[in-house]
Amino acid sequence: MTTAPLDHQTVPTHWTHRHLLDLERLTPTEVRTLLDTATLFKEATGGCRRKLGVLAGKTIVTLFFENSTRTKTSFALAARRLGADVVDFSASSSSLSKGESFIDTAKNLEAMGIDAVVVRHVTPGTPHLLAQHLDVGVINAGDGPHEHPTQGLLDIFTIRERLGDLSGATVGLVGDIAHSRTARSNLWGLMKLGAKVILCGPPTLVSDRWRELGVEVSHDLDAIVPRCDVLNLLRIQFERQNTRPFPSVREYAHLYAMTRDRLKRAKKDLLILAPGPINRGVEVTAEVADCPQSLILGQVANGLAVRMAVLWLTCGPRAGADGPSPGTKVY
């Protein structure tokens, strides 16, 4: 295990929360603290490849009630890179199947001496409910269509690595805004850092009411492409839709997929992001997904740095040190 020049004295101190539940209620300074801490961990671990022992003796439980590949694996690897133990909770084989409540299950896990819970659930607000009942850190890994804070952070982290200061940058979020927790976390984080956000997609998936939050809404991808510094291409979440929001996938791809022709009309240094999983030929064509401007795989790599930062701040030596005491209603 590598010993790196990083300890609780060198990590930014502008963090007072026991949990990470969303980005909406964080201050711009707190968002920057998360990003700056991720930068420290990425540098200290040689691009997230080496191990540190800063969370040795800590135990993290991944409590996932929805399928996940990138997020669940990324959190597990991030915890192990920091020296923590990881327990993967399986809902299907737990006492939940015998009628035990969700809260009682979580409190029983807490009684075993864990230090943090990473939770994903189909119901919005589930991590917030857990945070009211547990004394350990609660990290939201996606709650229905509400928020996915670490995905938003890793997207923003990836953009900031290329652009530096995000103030004045124009970022287009394209696709299924209505059902996307990633879009919401991106929106809040980007706005707090001074970026201009454009939401783009068919009217059935991008309501004009989003303007009330101070963002621009467009239903014409061709009109916004030349203006954007970044495009984040969001997956159509058919599993969350009760009715088909457009006539056909082919029509959606014709109007909203990022293609080679659209890339030619964009700024030469346009950055292409996609939170994944990507559906080639629907949100983005293969040649764009694999082009030099694409940072899609870089996002995945940066997810480790961001999640190491989040785990450190929520259950490391300084967790909650300057904020409310454990057990109070915090976020």
C-alpha atoms as a PDB file:
ATOM      1  CA  MET A   1       0.000   0.000   0.000  1.00  0.00           C
ATOM      2  CA  THR A   2       1.408   3.353  -1.059  1.00  0.00           C
ATOM      3  CA  THR A   3       2.066   6.081   1.464  1.00  0.00           C
ATOM      4  CA  ALA A   4       1.184   9.389  -0.180  1.00  0.00           C
ATOM      5  CA  PRO A   5       1.543  12.970   1.046  1.00  0.00           C
ATOM      6  CA  LEU A   6      -2.161  13.282   1.839  1.00  0.00           C
ATOM      7  CA  ASP A   7      -3.804  13.325   5.253  1.00  0.00           C
ATOM      8  CA  HIS A   8      -6.711  15.060   6.903  1.00  0.00           C
ATOM      9  CA  GLN A   9      -4.679  18.236   7.309  1.00  0.00           C
ATOM     10  CA  THR A  10      -4.141  18.668   3.565  1.00  0.00           C
ATOM     11  CA  VAL A  11      -7.722  18.078   2.460  1.00  0.00           C
ATOM     12  CA  PRO A  12      -9.897  21.220   2.035  1.00  0.00           C
ATOM     13  CA  THR A  13     -11.857  21.988   5.203  1.00  0.00           C
ATOM     14  CA  HIS A  14     -14.995  23.637   3.796  1.00  0.00           C
ATOM     15  CA  TRP A  15     -17.171  20.612   4.438  1.00  0.00           C
ATOM     16  CA  THR A  16     -19.528  20.247   7.405  1.00  0.00           C
ATOM     17  CA  HIS A  17     -21.962  17.558   6.284  1.00  0.00           C
ATOM     18  CA  ARG A  18     -22.230  14.005   7.496  1.00  0.00           C
ATOM     19  CA  HIS A  19     -23.952  12.920   4.269  1.00  0.00           C
ATOM     20  CA  LEU A  20     -24.026  13.620   0.540  1.00  0.00           C
ATOM     21  CA  LEU A  21     -27.670  13.535  -0.483  1.00  0.00           C
ATOM     22  CA  ASP A  22     -27.886  16.030  -3.341  1.00  0.00           C
ATOM     23  CA  LEU A  23     -26.152  19.002  -4.937  1.00  0.00           C
ATOM     24  CA  GLU A  24     -29.171  21.300  -4.833  1.00  0.00           C
ATOM     25  CA  ARG A  25     -28.620  22.347  -1.222  1.00  0.00           C
ATOM     26  CA  LEU A  26     -24.837  22.622  -1.305  1.00  0.00           C
ATOM     27  CA  THR A  27     -23.132  25.988  -1.550  1.00  0.00           C
ATOM     28  CA  PRO A  28     -20.744  26.819  -4.417  1.00  0.00           C
ATOM     29  CA  THR A  29     -17.870  26.584  -1.915  1.00  0.00           C
ATOM     30  CA  GLU A  30     -18.932  23.080  -0.873  1.00  0.00           C
ATOM     31  CA  VAL A  31     -19.168  21.955  -4.502  1.00  0.00           C
ATOM     32  CA  ARG A  32     -15.649  23.279  -5.100  1.00  0.00           C
ATOM     33  CA  THR A  33     -14.436  21.517  -1.947  1.00  0.00           C
ATOM     34  CA  LEU A  34     -15.673  18.186  -3.316  1.00  0.00           C
ATOM     35  CA  LEU A  35     -13.997  18.834  -6.673  1.00  0.00           C
ATOM     36  CA  ASP A  36     -10.745  20.071  -5.123  1.00  0.00           C
ATOM     37  CA  THR A  37     -10.602  17.040  -2.842  1.00  0.00           C
ATOM     38  CA  ALA A  38     -11.141  14.757  -5.850  1.00  0.00           C
ATOM     39  CA  THR A  39      -8.203  16.467  -7.557  1.00  0.00           C
ATOM     40  CA  LEU A  40      -5.999  15.786  -4.514  1.00  0.00           C
ATOM     41  CA  PHE A  41      -6.932  12.124  -4.472  1.00  0.00           C
ATOM     42  CA  LYS A  42      -6.412  11.709  -8.208  1.00  0.00           C
ATOM     43  CA  GLU A  43      -2.916  13.189  -7.893  1.00  0.00           C
ATOM     44  CA  ALA A  44      -2.034  11.297  -4.706  1.00  0.00           C
ATOM     45  CA  THR A  45      -3.022   7.937  -6.207  1.00  0.00           C
ATOM     46  CA  GLY A  46      -1.368   8.370  -9.592  1.00  0.00           C
ATOM     47  CA  GLY A  47      -4.619   8.701 -11.486  1.00  0.00           C
ATOM     48  CA  CYS A  48      -6.624   6.548  -9.037  1.00  0.00           C
ATOM     49  CA  ARG A  49      -4.430   3.495  -9.610  1.00  0.00           C
ATOM     50  CA  ARG A  50      -2.476   3.323  -6.338  1.00  0.00           C
ATOM     51  CA  LYS A  51      -3.838   2.631  -2.867  1.00  0.00           C
ATOM     52  CA  LEU A  52      -3.865   4.840   0.197  1.00  0.00           C
ATOM     53  CA  GLY A  53      -4.581   3.735   3.743  1.00  0.00           C
ATOM     54  CA  VAL A  54      -6.535   6.785   4.848  1.00  0.00           C
ATOM     55  CA  LEU A  55      -9.783   4.852   5.440  1.00  0.00           C
ATOM     56  CA  ALA A  56      -8.191   1.699   6.845  1.00  0.00           C
ATOM     57  CA  GLY A  57     -10.512   0.153   9.424  1.00  0.00           C
ATOM     58  CA  LYS A  58     -13.626   1.761   7.925  1.00  0.00           C
ATOM     59  CA  THR A  59     -16.481  -0.331   6.486  1.00  0.00           C
ATOM     60  CA  ILE A  60     -18.678   0.857   3.610  1.00  0.00           C
ATOM     61  CA  VAL A  61     -21.950  -0.867   2.688  1.00  0.00           C
ATOM     62  CA  THR A  62     -23.332  -0.617  -0.859  1.00  0.00           C
ATOM     63  CA  LEU A  63     -27.120  -0.762  -0.579  1.00  0.00           C
ATOM     64  CA  PHE A  64     -28.436  -0.908  -4.156  1.00  0.00           C
ATOM     65  CA  PHE A  65     -32.090  -1.553  -5.000  1.00  0.00           C
ATOM     66  CA  GLU A  66     -31.624  -0.785  -8.712  1.00  0.00           C
ATOM     67  CA  ASN A  67     -29.219  -2.266 -11.217  1.00  0.00           C
ATOM     68  CA  SER A  68     -25.854  -0.574 -11.609  1.00  0.00           C
ATOM     69  CA  THR A  69     -22.542  -1.288 -13.292  1.00  0.00           C
ATOM     70  CA  ARG A  70     -20.406   1.852 -13.208  1.00  0.00           C
ATOM     71  CA  THR A  71     -21.625   3.486  -9.989  1.00  0.00           C
ATOM     72  CA  LYS A  72     -21.608   0.407  -7.758  1.00  0.00           C
ATOM     73  CA  THR A  73     -18.240  -0.822  -9.038  1.00  0.00           C
ATOM     74  CA  SER A  74     -16.770   2.678  -8.846  1.00  0.00           C
ATOM     75  CA  PHE A  75     -17.792   3.165  -5.208  1.00  0.00           C
ATOM     76  CA  ALA A  76     -16.438  -0.269  -4.276  1.00  0.00           C
ATOM     77  CA  LEU A  77     -13.114   0.378  -5.995  1.00  0.00           C
ATOM     78  CA  ALA A  78     -12.872   3.886  -4.530  1.00  0.00           C
ATOM     79  CA  ALA A  79     -13.404   2.530  -1.011  1.00  0.00           C
ATOM     80  CA  ARG A  80     -10.806  -0.201  -1.501  1.00  0.00           C
ATOM     81  CA  ARG A  81      -8.313   2.273  -2.991  1.00  0.00           C
ATOM     82  CA  LEU A  82      -8.579   4.133   0.332  1.00  0.00           C
ATOM     83  CA  GLY A  83      -8.117   0.989   2.395  1.00  0.00           C
ATOM     84  CA  ALA A  84     -11.735   0.522   3.528  1.00  0.00           C
ATOM     85  CA  ASP A  85     -13.649  -2.751   3.651  1.00  0.00           C
ATOM     86  CA  VAL A  86     -16.696  -3.035   1.384  1.00  0.00           C
ATOM     87  CA  VAL A  87     -19.863  -5.052   2.028  1.00  0.00           C
ATOM     88  CA  ASP A  88     -22.263  -5.575  -0.871  1.00  0.00           C
ATOM     89  CA  PHE A  89     -25.833  -5.806   0.451  1.00  0.00           C
ATOM     90  CA  SER A  90     -28.230  -7.965  -1.560  1.00  0.00           C
ATOM     91  CA  ALA A  91     -31.870  -6.945  -1.091  1.00  0.00           C
ATOM     92  CA  SER A  92     -33.276 -10.117  -2.663  1.00  0.00           C
ATOM     93  CA  SER A  93     -31.605 -12.381  -0.093  1.00  0.00           C
ATOM     94  CA  SER A  94     -32.048 -10.102   2.925  1.00  0.00           C
ATOM     95  CA  SER A  95     -34.663  -9.927   5.664  1.00  0.00           C
ATOM     96  CA  LEU A  96     -36.548  -7.389   3.560  1.00  0.00           C
ATOM     97  CA  SER A  97     -38.007 -10.405   1.779  1.00  0.00           C
ATOM     98  CA  LYS A  98     -39.354 -11.553   5.170  1.00  0.00           C
ATOM     99  CA  GLY A  99     -41.179  -8.310   5.869  1.00  0.00           C
ATOM    100  CA  GLU A 100     -38.526  -6.292   7.696  1.00  0.00           C
ATOM    101  CA  SER A 101     -38.758  -2.560   7.021  1.00  0.00           C
ATOM    102  CA  PHE A 102     -36.133  -0.718   5.021  1.00  0.00           C
ATOM    103  CA  ILE A 103     -35.190   1.438   8.014  1.00  0.00           C
ATOM    104  CA  ASP A 104     -34.911  -1.542  10.382  1.00  0.00           C
ATOM    105  CA  THR A 105     -32.663  -3.328   7.890  1.00  0.00           C
ATOM    106  CA  ALA A 106     -30.408  -0.272   7.643  1.00  0.00           C
ATOM    107  CA  LYS A 107     -30.286   0.160  11.427  1.00  0.00           C
ATOM    108  CA  ASN A 108     -29.294  -3.490  11.844  1.00  0.00           C
ATOM    109  CA  LEU A 109     -26.445  -2.952   9.400  1.00  0.00           C
ATOM    110  CA  GLU A 110     -25.428   0.145  11.351  1.00  0.00           C
ATOM    111  CA  ALA A 111     -25.386  -1.889  14.577  1.00  0.00           C
ATOM    112  CA  MET A 112     -22.688  -4.097  13.050  1.00  0.00           C
ATOM    113  CA  GLY A 113     -20.249  -1.190  13.169  1.00  0.00           C
ATOM    114  CA  ILE A 114     -20.308   0.186   9.618  1.00  0.00           C
ATOM    115  CA  ASP A 115     -19.181   3.722   8.795  1.00  0.00           C
ATOM    116  CA  ALA A 116     -21.163   4.692   5.684  1.00  0.00           C
ATOM    117  CA  VAL A 117     -23.987   3.511   3.454  1.00  0.00           C
ATOM    118  CA  VAL A 118     -24.032   4.089  -0.296  1.00  0.00           C
ATOM    119  CA  VAL A 119     -27.661   3.756  -1.338  1.00  0.00           C
ATOM    120  CA  ARG A 120     -29.493   3.599  -4.662  1.00  0.00           C
ATOM    121  CA  HIS A 121     -33.271   3.313  -4.694  1.00  0.00           C
ATOM    122  CA  VAL A 122     -36.120   3.774  -7.146  1.00  0.00           C
ATOM    123  CA  THR A 123     -37.990   6.064  -4.731  1.00  0.00           C
ATOM    124  CA  PRO A 124     -36.930   9.737  -4.591  1.00  0.00           C
ATOM    125  CA  GLY A 125     -35.939  10.842  -1.106  1.00  0.00           C
ATOM    126  CA  THR A 126     -34.903   7.412   0.168  1.00  0.00           C
ATOM    127  CA  PRO A 127     -31.325   8.497   1.071  1.00  0.00           C
ATOM    128  CA  HIS A 128     -32.735  11.556   2.842  1.00  0.00           C
ATOM    129  CA  LEU A 129     -35.011   9.294   4.904  1.00  0.00           C
ATOM    130  CA  LEU A 130     -32.073   7.064   5.840  1.00  0.00           C
ATOM    131  CA  ALA A 131     -30.032  10.096   6.900  1.00  0.00           C
ATOM    132  CA  GLN A 132     -32.713  10.966   9.457  1.00  0.00           C
ATOM    133  CA  HIS A 133     -32.459   7.530  11.092  1.00  0.00           C
ATOM    134  CA  LEU A 134     -28.761   6.623  10.897  1.00  0.00           C
ATOM    135  CA  ASP A 135     -25.724   8.017  12.673  1.00  0.00           C
ATOM    136  CA  VAL A 136     -23.355   6.902   9.894  1.00  0.00           C
ATOM    137  CA  GLY A 137     -22.727   8.705   6.622  1.00  0.00           C
ATOM    138  CA  VAL A 138     -25.327   8.267   3.884  1.00  0.00           C
ATOM    139  CA  ILE A 139     -24.322   8.775   0.257  1.00  0.00           C
ATOM    140  CA  ASN A 140     -26.929   9.046  -2.474  1.00  0.00           C
ATOM    141  CA  ALA A 141     -26.003   6.874  -5.457  1.00  0.00           C
ATOM    142  CA  GLY A 142     -29.230   7.770  -7.271  1.00  0.00           C
ATOM    143  CA  ASP A 143     -32.779   8.103  -5.941  1.00  0.00           C
ATOM    144  CA  GLY A 144     -35.263   7.559  -8.737  1.00  0.00           C
ATOM    145  CA  PRO A 145     -35.406  10.560 -11.085  1.00  0.00           C
ATOM    146  CA  HIS A 146     -34.398  12.996  -8.313  1.00  0.00           C
ATOM    147  CA  GLU A 147     -30.593  13.294  -8.111  1.00  0.00           C
ATOM    148  CA  HIS A 148     -27.342  11.411  -8.659  1.00  0.00           C
ATOM    149  CA  PRO A 149     -24.840  13.747  -6.976  1.00  0.00           C
ATOM    150  CA  THR A 150     -21.616  11.820  -7.614  1.00  0.00           C
ATOM    151  CA  GLN A 151     -22.454  11.457 -11.317  1.00  0.00           C
ATOM    152  CA  GLY A 152     -23.048  15.194 -11.524  1.00  0.00           C
ATOM    153  CA  LEU A 153     -19.779  15.839  -9.702  1.00  0.00           C
ATOM    154  CA  LEU A 154     -17.725  13.548 -11.919  1.00  0.00           C
ATOM    155  CA  ASP A 155     -19.209  15.141 -15.039  1.00  0.00           C
ATOM    156  CA  ILE A 156     -18.336  18.595 -13.730  1.00  0.00           C
ATOM    157  CA  PHE A 157     -14.908  17.420 -12.565  1.00  0.00           C
ATOM    158  CA  THR A 158     -14.192  16.138 -16.089  1.00  0.00           C
ATOM    159  CA  ILE A 159     -15.253  19.442 -17.636  1.00  0.00           C
ATOM    160  CA  ARG A 160     -13.230  21.464 -15.138  1.00  0.00           C
ATOM    161  CA  GLU A 161     -10.080  19.455 -15.907  1.00  0.00           C
ATOM    162  CA  ARG A 162     -10.295  20.703 -19.501  1.00  0.00           C
ATOM    163  CA  LEU A 163     -11.782  24.185 -19.126  1.00  0.00           C
ATOM    164  CA  GLY A 164     -10.576  25.254 -15.698  1.00  0.00           C
ATOM    165  CA  ASP A 165     -12.977  27.925 -14.465  1.00  0.00           C
ATOM    166  CA  LEU A 166     -16.523  27.027 -15.521  1.00  0.00           C
ATOM    167  CA  SER A 167     -17.794  30.566 -15.135  1.00  0.00           C
ATOM    168  CA  GLY A 168     -19.259  31.622 -18.470  1.00  0.00           C
ATOM    169  CA  ALA A 169     -18.988  28.179 -20.088  1.00  0.00           C
ATOM    170  CA  THR A 170     -22.079  26.981 -21.949  1.00  0.00           C
ATOM    171  CA  VAL A 171     -23.101  23.396 -21.239  1.00  0.00           C
ATOM    172  CA  GLY A 172     -25.900  21.673 -23.116  1.00  0.00           C
ATOM    173  CA  LEU A 173     -27.712  18.772 -21.426  1.00  0.00           C
ATOM    174  CA  VAL A 174     -29.439  16.871 -24.213  1.00  0.00           C
ATOM    175  CA  GLY A 175     -32.043  14.137 -24.005  1.00  0.00           C
ATOM    176  CA  ASP A 176     -34.421  12.760 -21.399  1.00  0.00           C
ATOM    177  CA  ILE A 177     -34.374  15.625 -18.914  1.00  0.00           C
ATOM    178  CA  ALA A 178     -37.751  14.685 -17.425  1.00  0.00           C
ATOM    179  CA  HIS A 179     -36.549  11.364 -16.020  1.00  0.00           C
ATOM    180  CA  SER A 180     -32.833  12.080 -15.538  1.00  0.00           C
ATOM    181  CA  ARG A 181     -31.394  12.346 -12.032  1.00  0.00           C
ATOM    182  CA  THR A 182     -28.045  13.032 -13.698  1.00  0.00           C
ATOM    183  CA  ALA A 183     -29.482  16.103 -15.422  1.00  0.00           C
ATOM    184  CA  ARG A 184     -30.708  17.521 -12.125  1.00  0.00           C
ATOM    185  CA  SER A 185     -27.381  17.062 -10.350  1.00  0.00           C
ATOM    186  CA  ASN A 186     -25.501  18.512 -13.312  1.00  0.00           C
ATOM    187  CA  LEU A 187     -27.853  21.467 -13.463  1.00  0.00           C
ATOM    188  CA  TRP A 188     -27.412  22.400  -9.801  1.00  0.00           C
ATOM    189  CA  GLY A 189     -23.656  21.892  -9.766  1.00  0.00           C
ATOM    190  CA  LEU A 190     -22.998  23.734 -13.007  1.00  0.00           C
ATOM    191  CA  MET A 191     -25.143  26.714 -12.053  1.00  0.00           C
ATOM    192  CA  LYS A 192     -23.394  27.039  -8.690  1.00  0.00           C
ATOM    193  CA  LEU A 193     -20.062  27.268 -10.533  1.00  0.00           C
ATOM    194  CA  GLY A 194     -21.292  29.967 -12.901  1.00  0.00           C
ATOM    195  CA  ALA A 195     -21.889  27.936 -16.069  1.00  0.00           C
ATOM    196  CA  LYS A 196     -24.738  28.649 -18.458  1.00  0.00           C
ATOM    197  CA  VAL A 197     -26.973  25.574 -18.796  1.00  0.00           C
ATOM    198  CA  ILE A 198     -29.124  24.738 -21.805  1.00  0.00           C
ATOM    199  CA  LEU A 199     -31.616  21.874 -21.568  1.00  0.00           C
ATOM    200  CA  CYS A 200     -32.443  20.394 -24.958  1.00  0.00           C
ATOM    201  CA  GLY A 201     -34.770  17.642 -26.123  1.00  0.00           C
ATOM    202  CA  PRO A 202     -38.309  17.007 -27.353  1.00  0.00           C
ATOM    203  CA  PRO A 203     -41.060  19.036 -25.620  1.00  0.00           C
ATOM    204  CA  THR A 204     -42.401  15.838 -24.035  1.00  0.00           C
ATOM    205  CA  LEU A 205     -39.089  15.379 -22.198  1.00  0.00           C
ATOM    206  CA  VAL A 206     -37.997  18.994 -21.651  1.00  0.00           C
ATOM    207  CA  SER A 207     -40.698  21.168 -20.153  1.00  0.00           C
ATOM    208  CA  ASP A 208     -40.573  24.929 -20.605  1.00  0.00           C
ATOM    209  CA  ARG A 209     -41.047  25.196 -16.840  1.00  0.00           C
ATOM    210  CA  TRP A 210     -37.340  24.428 -16.359  1.00  0.00           C
ATOM    211  CA  ARG A 211     -36.803  28.097 -17.265  1.00  0.00           C
ATOM    212  CA  GLU A 212     -38.099  28.970 -13.802  1.00  0.00           C
ATOM    213  CA  LEU A 213     -34.777  27.677 -12.405  1.00  0.00           C
ATOM    214  CA  GLY A 214     -32.769  30.086 -14.551  1.00  0.00           C
ATOM    215  CA  VAL A 215     -31.743  27.754 -17.356  1.00  0.00           C
ATOM    216  CA  GLU A 216     -32.382  27.998 -21.081  1.00  0.00           C
ATOM    217  CA  VAL A 217     -34.707  25.493 -22.749  1.00  0.00           C
ATOM    218  CA  SER A 218     -34.449  24.520 -26.408  1.00  0.00           C
ATOM    219  CA  HIS A 219     -36.103  21.875 -28.540  1.00  0.00           C
ATOM    220  CA  ASP A 220     -33.686  22.342 -31.441  1.00  0.00           C
ATOM    221  CA  LEU A 221     -30.285  20.668 -31.082  1.00  0.00           C
ATOM    222  CA  ASP A 222     -28.986  22.161 -34.334  1.00  0.00           C
ATOM    223  CA  ALA A 223     -29.636  25.652 -32.977  1.00  0.00           C
ATOM    224  CA  ILE A 224     -27.634  25.189 -29.773  1.00  0.00           C
ATOM    225  CA  VAL A 225     -24.689  23.061 -30.980  1.00  0.00           C
ATOM    226  CA  PRO A 226     -22.606  26.007 -32.315  1.00  0.00           C
ATOM    227  CA  ARG A 227     -23.006  27.852 -28.997  1.00  0.00           C
ATOM    228  CA  CYS A 228     -21.981  25.067 -26.623  1.00  0.00           C
ATOM    229  CA  ASP A 229     -18.586  24.425 -25.059  1.00  0.00           C
ATOM    230  CA  VAL A 230     -19.799  21.089 -23.708  1.00  0.00           C
ATOM    231  CA  LEU A 231     -22.573  18.675 -24.648  1.00  0.00           C
ATOM    232  CA  ASN A 232     -23.648  16.047 -22.133  1.00  0.00           C
ATOM    233  CA  LEU A 233     -25.745  13.447 -23.968  1.00  0.00           C
ATOM    234  CA  LEU A 234     -28.275  11.741 -21.703  1.00  0.00           C
ATOM    235  CA  ARG A 235     -29.790   8.311 -22.221  1.00  0.00           C
ATOM    236  CA  ILE A 236     -33.489   7.897 -22.995  1.00  0.00           C
ATOM    237  CA  GLN A 237     -34.787   6.152 -19.887  1.00  0.00           C
ATOM    238  CA  PHE A 238     -37.522   3.968 -21.311  1.00  0.00           C
ATOM    239  CA  GLU A 239     -37.733   2.039 -18.024  1.00  0.00           C
ATOM    240  CA  ARG A 240     -39.080   5.152 -16.246  1.00  0.00           C
ATOM    241  CA  GLN A 241     -41.622   6.107 -18.904  1.00  0.00           C
ATOM    242  CA  ASN A 242     -45.267   5.059 -18.869  1.00  0.00           C
ATOM    243  CA  THR A 243     -45.862   6.169 -22.471  1.00  0.00           C
ATOM    244  CA  ARG A 244     -43.566   6.655 -25.458  1.00  0.00           C
ATOM    245  CA  PRO A 245     -42.595  10.376 -25.492  1.00  0.00           C
ATOM    246  CA  PHE A 246     -41.844  10.464 -29.255  1.00  0.00           C
ATOM    247  CA  PRO A 247     -43.074   8.538 -32.313  1.00  0.00           C
ATOM    248  CA  SER A 248     -39.968   6.400 -32.773  1.00  0.00           C
ATOM    249  CA  VAL A 249     -36.340   5.968 -31.713  1.00  0.00           C
ATOM    250  CA  ARG A 250     -35.374   6.626 -35.319  1.00  0.00           C
ATOM    251  CA  GLU A 251     -37.074  10.019 -35.259  1.00  0.00           C
ATOM    252  CA  TYR A 252     -35.463  10.895 -31.928  1.00  0.00           C
ATOM    253  CA  ALA A 253     -32.020  10.008 -33.272  1.00  0.00           C
ATOM    254  CA  HIS A 254     -32.642  12.100 -36.398  1.00  0.00           C
ATOM    255  CA  LEU A 255     -33.489  15.177 -34.316  1.00  0.00           C
ATOM    256  CA  TYR A 256     -31.325  14.814 -31.202  1.00  0.00           C
ATOM    257  CA  ALA A 257     -28.436  12.371 -31.705  1.00  0.00           C
ATOM    258  CA  MET A 258     -24.987  13.909 -31.830  1.00  0.00           C
ATOM    259  CA  THR A 259     -23.681  12.982 -35.277  1.00  0.00           C
ATOM    260  CA  ARG A 260     -20.596  13.638 -37.360  1.00  0.00           C
ATOM    261  CA  ASP A 261     -22.431  16.343 -39.315  1.00  0.00           C
ATOM    262  CA  ARG A 262     -23.483  18.143 -36.158  1.00  0.00           C
ATOM    263  CA  LEU A 263     -19.949  17.863 -34.794  1.00  0.00           C
ATOM    264  CA  LYS A 264     -18.671  19.667 -37.903  1.00  0.00           C
ATOM    265  CA  ARG A 265     -20.918  22.624 -37.069  1.00  0.00           C
ATOM    266  CA  ALA A 266     -19.758  22.786 -33.449  1.00  0.00           C
ATOM    267  CA  LYS A 267     -16.811  24.591 -31.908  1.00  0.00           C
ATOM    268  CA  LYS A 268     -13.565  22.798 -32.701  1.00  0.00           C
ATOM    269  CA  ASP A 269     -12.842  22.248 -29.025  1.00  0.00           C
ATOM    270  CA  LEU A 270     -16.367  21.091 -28.096  1.00  0.00           C
ATOM    271  CA  LEU A 271     -16.301  18.491 -25.322  1.00  0.00           C
ATOM    272  CA  ILE A 272     -18.588  15.457 -25.584  1.00  0.00           C
ATOM    273  CA  LEU A 273     -19.782  13.745 -22.410  1.00  0.00           C
ATOM    274  CA  ALA A 274     -22.293  10.972 -21.739  1.00  0.00           C
ATOM    275  CA  PRO A 275     -23.020   9.514 -18.299  1.00  0.00           C
ATOM    276  CA  GLY A 276     -23.718   6.041 -19.661  1.00  0.00           C
ATOM    277  CA  PRO A 277     -24.736   3.540 -20.459  1.00  0.00           C
ATOM    278  CA  ILE A 278     -24.626   4.961 -23.973  1.00  0.00           C
ATOM    279  CA  ASN A 279     -26.891   3.710 -26.740  1.00  0.00           C
ATOM    280  CA  ARG A 280     -24.882   4.111 -29.914  1.00  0.00           C
ATOM    281  CA  GLY A 281     -27.059   5.365 -32.728  1.00  0.00           C
ATOM    282  CA  VAL A 282     -29.671   6.852 -30.362  1.00  0.00           C
ATOM    283  CA  GLU A 283     -28.071   9.689 -28.325  1.00  0.00           C
ATOM    284  CA  VAL A 284     -24.741   9.589 -30.112  1.00  0.00           C
ATOM    285  CA  THR A 285     -23.294   7.907 -33.173  1.00  0.00           C
ATOM    286  CA  ALA A 286     -20.305   5.587 -32.888  1.00  0.00           C
ATOM    287  CA  GLU A 287     -17.890   7.958 -34.627  1.00  0.00           C
ATOM    288  CA  VAL A 288     -18.754  10.778 -32.191  1.00  0.00           C
ATOM    289  CA  ALA A 289     -18.642   8.533 -29.118  1.00  0.00           C
ATOM    290  CA  ASP A 290     -15.090   7.545 -30.055  1.00  0.00           C
ATOM    291  CA  CYS A 291     -13.861  10.878 -31.431  1.00  0.00           C
ATOM    292  CA  PRO A 292     -10.978  12.881 -29.872  1.00  0.00           C
ATOM    293  CA  GLN A 293     -13.425  15.336 -28.264  1.00  0.00           C
ATOM    294  CA  SER A 294     -15.186  12.510 -26.427  1.00  0.00           C
ATOM    295  CA  LEU A 295     -14.457  12.325 -22.697  1.00  0.00           C
ATOM    296  CA  ILE A 296     -16.829   9.432 -21.996  1.00  0.00           C
ATOM    297  CA  LEU A 297     -14.214   6.991 -20.710  1.00  0.00           C
ATOM    298  CA  GLY A 298     -12.469   9.824 -18.894  1.00  0.00           C
ATOM    299  CA  GLN A 299     -15.684  10.385 -16.966  1.00  0.00           C
ATOM    300  CA  VAL A 300     -15.630   6.785 -15.773  1.00  0.00           C
ATOM    301  CA  ALA A 301     -12.023   7.100 -14.608  1.00  0.00           C
ATOM    302  CA  ASN A 302     -12.748  10.389 -12.850  1.00  0.00           C
ATOM    303  CA  GLY A 303     -15.652   8.763 -11.037  1.00  0.00           C
ATOM    304  CA  LEU A 304     -13.120   6.988  -8.826  1.00  0.00           C
ATOM    305  CA  ALA A 305     -11.491  10.257  -7.779  1.00  0.00           C
ATOM    306  CA  VAL A 306     -14.827  11.897  -7.031  1.00  0.00           C
ATOM    307  CA  ARG A 307     -16.085   8.940  -5.025  1.00  0.00           C
ATOM    308  CA  MET A 308     -12.850   8.709  -3.064  1.00  0.00           C
ATOM    309  CA  ALA A 309     -13.328  12.370  -2.164  1.00  0.00           C
ATOM    310  CA  VAL A 310     -16.934  11.820  -1.112  1.00  0.00           C
ATOM    311  CA  LEU A 311     -16.096   8.781   1.022  1.00  0.00           C
ATOM    312  CA  TRP A 312     -13.231  10.651   2.670  1.00  0.00           C
ATOM    313  CA  LEU A 313     -15.335  13.693   3.495  1.00  0.00           C
ATOM    314  CA  THR A 314     -18.315  11.717   4.786  1.00  0.00           C
ATOM    315  CA  CYS A 315     -16.577   9.034   6.844  1.00  0.00           C
ATOM    316  CA  GLY A 316     -12.914  10.040   7.131  1.00  0.00           C
ATOM    317  CA  PRO A 317     -11.193  11.604  10.152  1.00  0.00           C
ATOM    318  CA  ARG A 318     -12.883  14.972   9.586  1.00  0.00           C
ATOM    319  CA  ALA A 319     -16.380  13.662   8.778  1.00  0.00           C
ATOM    320  CA  GLY A 320     -18.891  16.028  10.322  1.00  0.00           C
ATOM    321  CA  ALA A 321     -16.195  17.541  12.546  1.00  0.00           C
ATOM    322  CA  ASP A 322     -17.304  21.137  12.041  1.00  0.00           C
ATOM    323  CA  GLY A 323     -20.979  20.478  11.468  1.00  0.00           C
ATOM    324  CA  PRO A 324     -24.027  19.118  13.285  1.00  0.00           C
ATOM    325  CA  SER A 325     -23.514  16.100  15.481  1.00  0.00           C
ATOM    326  CA  PRO A 326     -24.432  12.642  14.150  1.00  0.00           C
ATOM    327  CA  GLY A 327     -28.095  11.714  14.478  1.00  0.00           C
ATOM    328  CA  THR A 328     -29.453  15.190  13.699  1.00  0.00           C
ATOM    329  CA  LYS A 329     -31.331  15.992  10.492  1.00  0.00           C
ATOM    330  CA  VAL A 330     -28.519  17.058   8.212  1.00  0.00           C
ATOM    331  CA  TYR A 331     -27.706  16.822   4.529  1.00  0.00           C
END
